Amino acid sequence: MHESVLPAAQTAVTLALGAWMITGFTRLPGRWLRWKMFCRATFTVITLTGTKDGRTESVNVYDHLSPGSFILGPPQLQAILNYLVRSGRYDRLDGHGRLLNAQGEHHIEVRGSRVVL
């Protein structure tokens, strides 16, 4: 009798663990990347246009991140915008995009070199 209890208990624990792991990746309404590893991450996907002396050009803000970095939140985005304006590279930056975090997806804008949520 003891020999059949152990495999049954192992199977039950394995199934419970498998179900718990699968539900960790499911989406809840209004949630994005529910998995614990991503729950505090904030990602920004943005298109920027820089203006210098009346001429405009597309700006890739991700070129200014540290090598290997891809997480760009509003404070980091604002720091990069400040650097680009203070360095004299651009007079003004404008753009629009999306902010992705555990609370869902939100619209984000850059107006007059300022991040607007």
N, C-alpha and C. Protein backbone atom coordinates (compact mmCIF):
# COMPACT_ATOMS: atom_id res chain seq x y z
N MET A 1 0.81 -1.18 0.00
CA MET A 1 0.00 0.00 0.00
C MET A 1 0.86 1.25 0.00
N HIS A 2 1.96 1.27 0.73
CA HIS A 2 2.85 2.43 0.78
C HIS A 2 3.52 2.67 -0.57
N GLU A 3 3.73 1.61 -1.33
CA GLU A 3 4.40 1.75 -2.62
C GLU A 3 3.54 2.50 -3.62
N SER A 4 2.23 2.46 -3.53
CA SER A 4 1.37 3.16 -4.48
C SER A 4 1.09 4.60 -4.05
N VAL A 5 1.28 4.92 -2.78
CA VAL A 5 1.02 6.28 -2.29
C VAL A 5 2.10 7.24 -2.77
N LEU A 6 3.35 6.82 -2.78
CA LEU A 6 4.44 7.70 -3.18
C LEU A 6 4.32 8.14 -4.64
N PRO A 7 4.12 7.23 -5.60
CA PRO A 7 3.96 7.70 -6.99
C PRO A 7 2.72 8.58 -7.17
N ALA A 8 1.66 8.31 -6.44
CA ALA A 8 0.45 9.14 -6.56
C ALA A 8 0.71 10.54 -6.01
N ALA A 9 1.44 10.63 -4.91
CA ALA A 9 1.77 11.93 -4.32
C ALA A 9 2.73 12.70 -5.24
N GLN A 10 3.70 12.01 -5.81
CA GLN A 10 4.62 12.66 -6.75
C GLN A 10 3.88 13.18 -7.97
N THR A 11 2.95 12.40 -8.48
CA THR A 11 2.18 12.83 -9.64
C THR A 11 1.31 14.04 -9.30
N ALA A 12 0.69 14.03 -8.14
CA ALA A 12 -0.15 15.15 -7.73
C ALA A 12 0.68 16.42 -7.56
N VAL A 13 1.83 16.31 -6.93
CA VAL A 13 2.70 17.47 -6.74
C VAL A 13 3.22 17.98 -8.09
N THR A 14 3.59 17.08 -8.98
CA THR A 14 4.07 17.47 -10.30
C THR A 14 2.99 18.19 -11.09
N LEU A 15 1.77 17.67 -11.06
CA LEU A 15 0.66 18.32 -11.77
C LEU A 15 0.35 19.69 -11.17
N ALA A 16 0.37 19.79 -9.85
CA ALA A 16 0.10 21.09 -9.19
C ALA A 16 1.19 22.11 -9.56
N LEU A 17 2.44 21.69 -9.53
CA LEU A 17 3.53 22.58 -9.89
C LEU A 17 3.44 23.00 -11.35
N GLY A 18 3.12 22.07 -12.23
CA GLY A 18 2.96 22.38 -13.65
C GLY A 18 1.82 23.37 -13.88
N ALA A 19 0.69 23.18 -13.21
CA ALA A 19 -0.45 24.11 -13.34
C ALA A 19 -0.07 25.49 -12.81
N TRP A 20 0.64 25.54 -11.71
CA TRP A 20 1.05 26.83 -11.15
C TRP A 20 1.98 27.57 -12.11
N MET A 21 2.91 26.85 -12.72
CA MET A 21 3.84 27.48 -13.67
C MET A 21 3.12 27.96 -14.92
N ILE A 22 2.17 27.20 -15.41
CA ILE A 22 1.42 27.59 -16.61
C ILE A 22 0.57 28.82 -16.34
N THR A 23 -0.10 28.87 -15.20
CA THR A 23 -0.95 30.03 -14.90
C THR A 23 -0.12 31.27 -14.63
N GLY A 24 1.16 31.14 -14.29
CA GLY A 24 2.03 32.30 -14.11
C GLY A 24 2.27 33.05 -15.39
N PHE A 25 2.08 32.40 -16.55
CA PHE A 25 2.28 33.05 -17.84
C PHE A 25 0.97 33.49 -18.49
N THR A 26 -0.15 33.21 -17.88
CA THR A 26 -1.41 33.62 -18.49
C THR A 26 -1.64 35.10 -18.30
N ARG A 27 -2.46 35.65 -19.16
CA ARG A 27 -2.72 37.08 -19.11
C ARG A 27 -3.97 37.37 -18.30
N LEU A 28 -3.90 38.35 -17.47
CA LEU A 28 -5.06 38.86 -16.77
C LEU A 28 -5.53 40.10 -17.52
N PRO A 29 -6.82 40.43 -17.44
CA PRO A 29 -7.27 41.64 -18.12
C PRO A 29 -6.50 42.87 -17.64
N GLY A 30 -5.98 43.65 -18.59
CA GLY A 30 -5.24 44.85 -18.25
C GLY A 30 -3.82 44.61 -17.80
N ARG A 31 -3.33 43.39 -17.88
CA ARG A 31 -1.98 43.08 -17.44
C ARG A 31 -1.11 42.72 -18.63
N TRP A 32 0.20 42.96 -18.48
CA TRP A 32 1.15 42.65 -19.53
C TRP A 32 2.34 41.96 -18.88
N LEU A 33 2.73 40.84 -19.40
CA LEU A 33 3.84 40.05 -18.86
C LEU A 33 3.71 39.85 -17.36
N ARG A 34 2.78 39.02 -16.97
CA ARG A 34 2.47 38.78 -15.57
C ARG A 34 3.56 38.02 -14.84
N TRP A 35 4.44 37.36 -15.54
CA TRP A 35 5.48 36.56 -14.91
C TRP A 35 6.29 37.44 -13.96
N LYS A 36 6.65 36.90 -12.80
CA LYS A 36 7.30 37.67 -11.74
C LYS A 36 8.58 38.37 -12.18
N MET A 37 9.30 37.79 -13.12
CA MET A 37 10.53 38.40 -13.57
C MET A 37 10.28 39.76 -14.21
N PHE A 38 9.12 39.93 -14.84
CA PHE A 38 8.82 41.16 -15.56
C PHE A 38 7.89 42.10 -14.80
N CYS A 39 7.43 41.72 -13.61
CA CYS A 39 6.38 42.49 -12.94
C CYS A 39 6.80 43.89 -12.56
N ARG A 40 8.08 44.17 -12.40
CA ARG A 40 8.52 45.52 -12.05
C ARG A 40 9.19 46.24 -13.20
N ALA A 41 9.32 45.60 -14.33
CA ALA A 41 9.97 46.21 -15.48
C ALA A 41 9.03 47.17 -16.19
N THR A 42 9.59 48.23 -16.72
CA THR A 42 8.83 49.19 -17.52
C THR A 42 9.57 49.34 -18.84
N PHE A 43 8.86 49.11 -19.91
CA PHE A 43 9.43 49.20 -21.25
C PHE A 43 8.78 50.37 -21.98
N THR A 44 9.57 51.11 -22.71
CA THR A 44 9.06 52.21 -23.52
C THR A 44 9.41 51.94 -24.97
N VAL A 45 8.41 51.99 -25.82
CA VAL A 45 8.61 51.88 -27.25
C VAL A 45 8.19 53.23 -27.81
N ILE A 46 9.14 53.99 -28.34
CA ILE A 46 8.85 55.37 -28.72
C ILE A 46 9.53 55.75 -30.03
N THR A 47 8.88 56.62 -30.77
CA THR A 47 9.41 57.19 -32.00
C THR A 47 9.66 58.67 -31.74
N LEU A 48 10.90 59.10 -31.94
CA LEU A 48 11.26 60.49 -31.66
C LEU A 48 11.72 61.21 -32.91
N THR A 49 11.46 62.51 -32.92
CA THR A 49 11.94 63.40 -33.97
C THR A 49 12.69 64.54 -33.30
N GLY A 50 13.92 64.78 -33.74
CA GLY A 50 14.73 65.86 -33.20
C GLY A 50 14.78 67.02 -34.15
N THR A 51 14.73 68.23 -33.60
CA THR A 51 14.78 69.45 -34.41
C THR A 51 16.02 70.24 -34.04
N LYS A 52 16.80 70.62 -35.05
CA LYS A 52 18.00 71.43 -34.86
C LYS A 52 18.06 72.43 -36.00
N ASP A 53 18.04 73.71 -35.68
CA ASP A 53 18.10 74.79 -36.66
C ASP A 53 17.02 74.65 -37.73
N GLY A 54 15.82 74.27 -37.32
CA GLY A 54 14.69 74.16 -38.24
C GLY A 54 14.63 72.86 -39.03
N ARG A 55 15.67 72.05 -38.96
CA ARG A 55 15.67 70.75 -39.68
C ARG A 55 15.29 69.65 -38.70
N THR A 56 14.52 68.70 -39.18
CA THR A 56 14.11 67.58 -38.32
C THR A 56 14.71 66.28 -38.84
N GLU A 57 14.96 65.40 -37.90
CA GLU A 57 15.44 64.06 -38.25
C GLU A 57 14.96 63.08 -37.20
N SER A 58 14.91 61.84 -37.60
CA SER A 58 14.50 60.76 -36.71
C SER A 58 15.61 60.48 -35.70
N VAL A 59 15.23 60.22 -34.44
CA VAL A 59 16.20 59.97 -33.38
C VAL A 59 15.95 58.58 -32.80
N ASN A 60 17.00 57.78 -32.71
CA ASN A 60 16.92 56.47 -32.09
C ASN A 60 17.43 56.59 -30.66
N VAL A 61 16.50 56.70 -29.72
CA VAL A 61 16.87 56.89 -28.31
C VAL A 61 17.60 55.67 -27.75
N TYR A 62 17.40 54.52 -28.35
CA TYR A 62 18.02 53.29 -27.84
C TYR A 62 19.53 53.25 -28.12
N ASP A 63 20.01 54.10 -29.04
CA ASP A 63 21.46 54.20 -29.27
C ASP A 63 22.18 54.80 -28.06
N HIS A 64 21.44 55.46 -27.19
CA HIS A 64 22.04 56.15 -26.05
C HIS A 64 21.93 55.35 -24.75
N LEU A 65 21.43 54.13 -24.82
CA LEU A 65 21.37 53.26 -23.64
C LEU A 65 22.71 52.54 -23.47
N SER A 66 22.97 52.08 -22.27
CA SER A 66 24.17 51.29 -22.01
C SER A 66 24.12 50.01 -22.83
N PRO A 67 25.28 49.50 -23.25
CA PRO A 67 25.28 48.24 -24.00
C PRO A 67 24.59 47.12 -23.20
N GLY A 68 23.71 46.41 -23.85
CA GLY A 68 22.99 45.32 -23.21
C GLY A 68 21.70 45.76 -22.54
N SER A 69 21.46 47.05 -22.43
CA SER A 69 20.23 47.54 -21.81
C SER A 69 19.11 47.62 -22.83
N PHE A 70 17.93 47.31 -22.39
CA PHE A 70 16.77 47.47 -23.25
C PHE A 70 15.57 48.00 -22.48
N ILE A 71 15.67 48.09 -21.17
CA ILE A 71 14.57 48.59 -20.36
C ILE A 71 14.71 50.11 -20.26
N LEU A 72 13.71 50.79 -20.75
CA LEU A 72 13.73 52.25 -20.79
C LEU A 72 12.44 52.77 -20.19
N GLY A 73 12.52 53.28 -18.97
CA GLY A 73 11.36 53.86 -18.31
C GLY A 73 11.33 55.36 -18.52
N PRO A 74 10.26 56.03 -18.10
CA PRO A 74 10.15 57.48 -18.28
C PRO A 74 11.32 58.28 -17.67
N PRO A 75 11.81 57.96 -16.46
CA PRO A 75 12.94 58.75 -15.94
C PRO A 75 14.20 58.61 -16.79
N GLN A 76 14.49 57.41 -17.27
CA GLN A 76 15.65 57.20 -18.11
C GLN A 76 15.48 57.90 -19.46
N LEU A 77 14.26 57.85 -20.00
CA LEU A 77 13.97 58.54 -21.26
C LEU A 77 14.18 60.04 -21.09
N GLN A 78 13.69 60.60 -19.99
CA GLN A 78 13.86 62.03 -19.75
C GLN A 78 15.33 62.40 -19.60
N ALA A 79 16.11 61.56 -18.95
CA ALA A 79 17.55 61.82 -18.80
C ALA A 79 18.24 61.86 -20.16
N ILE A 80 17.87 60.94 -21.05
CA ILE A 80 18.46 60.92 -22.40
C ILE A 80 18.04 62.16 -23.17
N LEU A 81 16.77 62.55 -23.06
CA LEU A 81 16.30 63.76 -23.74
C LEU A 81 17.05 64.99 -23.24
N ASN A 82 17.23 65.08 -21.93
CA ASN A 82 17.98 66.21 -21.35
C ASN A 82 19.41 66.25 -21.89
N TYR A 83 20.03 65.10 -21.97
CA TYR A 83 21.40 65.02 -22.49
C TYR A 83 21.46 65.49 -23.95
N LEU A 84 20.51 65.03 -24.77
CA LEU A 84 20.53 65.40 -26.19
C LEU A 84 20.30 66.90 -26.40
N VAL A 85 19.49 67.51 -25.56
CA VAL A 85 19.25 68.95 -25.69
C VAL A 85 20.42 69.75 -25.11
N ARG A 86 20.92 69.38 -23.94
CA ARG A 86 22.03 70.10 -23.30
C ARG A 86 23.33 70.01 -24.10
N SER A 87 23.52 68.88 -24.77
CA SER A 87 24.75 68.72 -25.56
C SER A 87 24.71 69.54 -26.83
N GLY A 88 23.56 70.11 -27.16
CA GLY A 88 23.44 70.93 -28.36
C GLY A 88 23.14 70.13 -29.61
N ARG A 89 22.94 68.86 -29.45
CA ARG A 89 22.65 68.03 -30.61
C ARG A 89 21.29 68.37 -31.22
N TYR A 90 20.31 68.68 -30.36
CA TYR A 90 18.97 69.05 -30.82
C TYR A 90 18.46 70.23 -30.00
N ASP A 91 17.64 71.05 -30.63
CA ASP A 91 16.98 72.14 -29.92
C ASP A 91 15.72 71.65 -29.23
N ARG A 92 15.09 70.68 -29.86
CA ARG A 92 13.80 70.19 -29.36
C ARG A 92 13.60 68.75 -29.81
N LEU A 93 12.95 67.95 -28.97
CA LEU A 93 12.60 66.57 -29.31
C LEU A 93 11.11 66.37 -29.10
N ASP A 94 10.47 65.68 -30.02
CA ASP A 94 9.04 65.36 -29.93
C ASP A 94 8.85 63.92 -30.37
N GLY A 95 7.79 63.30 -29.86
CA GLY A 95 7.51 61.93 -30.26
C GLY A 95 6.32 61.34 -29.54
N HIS A 96 6.04 60.10 -29.88
CA HIS A 96 4.92 59.38 -29.27
C HIS A 96 5.25 57.90 -29.23
N GLY A 97 4.59 57.20 -28.33
CA GLY A 97 4.83 55.77 -28.22
C GLY A 97 3.98 55.13 -27.15
N ARG A 98 4.46 53.98 -26.67
CA ARG A 98 3.73 53.20 -25.67
C ARG A 98 4.63 52.90 -24.50
N LEU A 99 4.01 52.87 -23.34
CA LEU A 99 4.68 52.51 -22.10
C LEU A 99 4.05 51.19 -21.64
N LEU A 100 4.88 50.16 -21.47
CA LEU A 100 4.40 48.84 -21.10
C LEU A 100 4.93 48.48 -19.72
N ASN A 101 4.01 48.12 -18.82
CA ASN A 101 4.42 47.68 -17.48
C ASN A 101 3.37 46.73 -16.93
N ALA A 102 3.46 46.37 -15.68
CA ALA A 102 2.55 45.40 -15.08
C ALA A 102 1.11 45.90 -15.04
N GLN A 103 0.91 47.20 -15.07
CA GLN A 103 -0.45 47.75 -15.06
C GLN A 103 -1.07 47.81 -16.45
N GLY A 104 -0.34 47.44 -17.47
CA GLY A 104 -0.88 47.42 -18.82
C GLY A 104 -0.08 48.31 -19.76
N GLU A 105 -0.75 48.72 -20.82
CA GLU A 105 -0.14 49.53 -21.86
C GLU A 105 -0.72 50.93 -21.80
N HIS A 106 0.13 51.94 -21.86
CA HIS A 106 -0.31 53.33 -21.76
C HIS A 106 0.33 54.14 -22.88
N HIS A 107 -0.34 55.21 -23.26
CA HIS A 107 0.19 56.12 -24.27
C HIS A 107 1.20 57.06 -23.61
N ILE A 108 2.30 57.33 -24.30
CA ILE A 108 3.32 58.24 -23.80
C ILE A 108 3.70 59.19 -24.92
N GLU A 109 3.94 60.44 -24.58
CA GLU A 109 4.33 61.44 -25.57
C GLU A 109 5.55 62.19 -25.09
N VAL A 110 6.28 62.74 -26.05
CA VAL A 110 7.36 63.67 -25.76
C VAL A 110 7.00 64.95 -26.49
N ARG A 111 6.78 66.02 -25.72
CA ARG A 111 6.45 67.33 -26.28
C ARG A 111 7.44 68.35 -25.76
N GLY A 112 8.09 69.04 -26.66
CA GLY A 112 9.05 70.06 -26.23
C GLY A 112 10.14 69.49 -25.34
N SER A 113 10.62 68.32 -25.67
CA SER A 113 11.70 67.62 -24.94
C SER A 113 11.29 67.21 -23.53
N ARG A 114 10.01 67.09 -23.26
CA ARG A 114 9.50 66.67 -21.97
C ARG A 114 8.63 65.43 -22.13
N VAL A 115 8.83 64.44 -21.25
CA VAL A 115 8.01 63.22 -21.25
C VAL A 115 6.66 63.53 -20.64
N VAL A 116 5.59 63.18 -21.37
CA VAL A 116 4.22 63.40 -20.89
C VAL A 116 3.51 62.04 -20.89
N LEU A 117 3.05 61.63 -19.72
CA LEU A 117 2.34 60.35 -19.61
C LEU A 117 0.85 60.55 -19.79
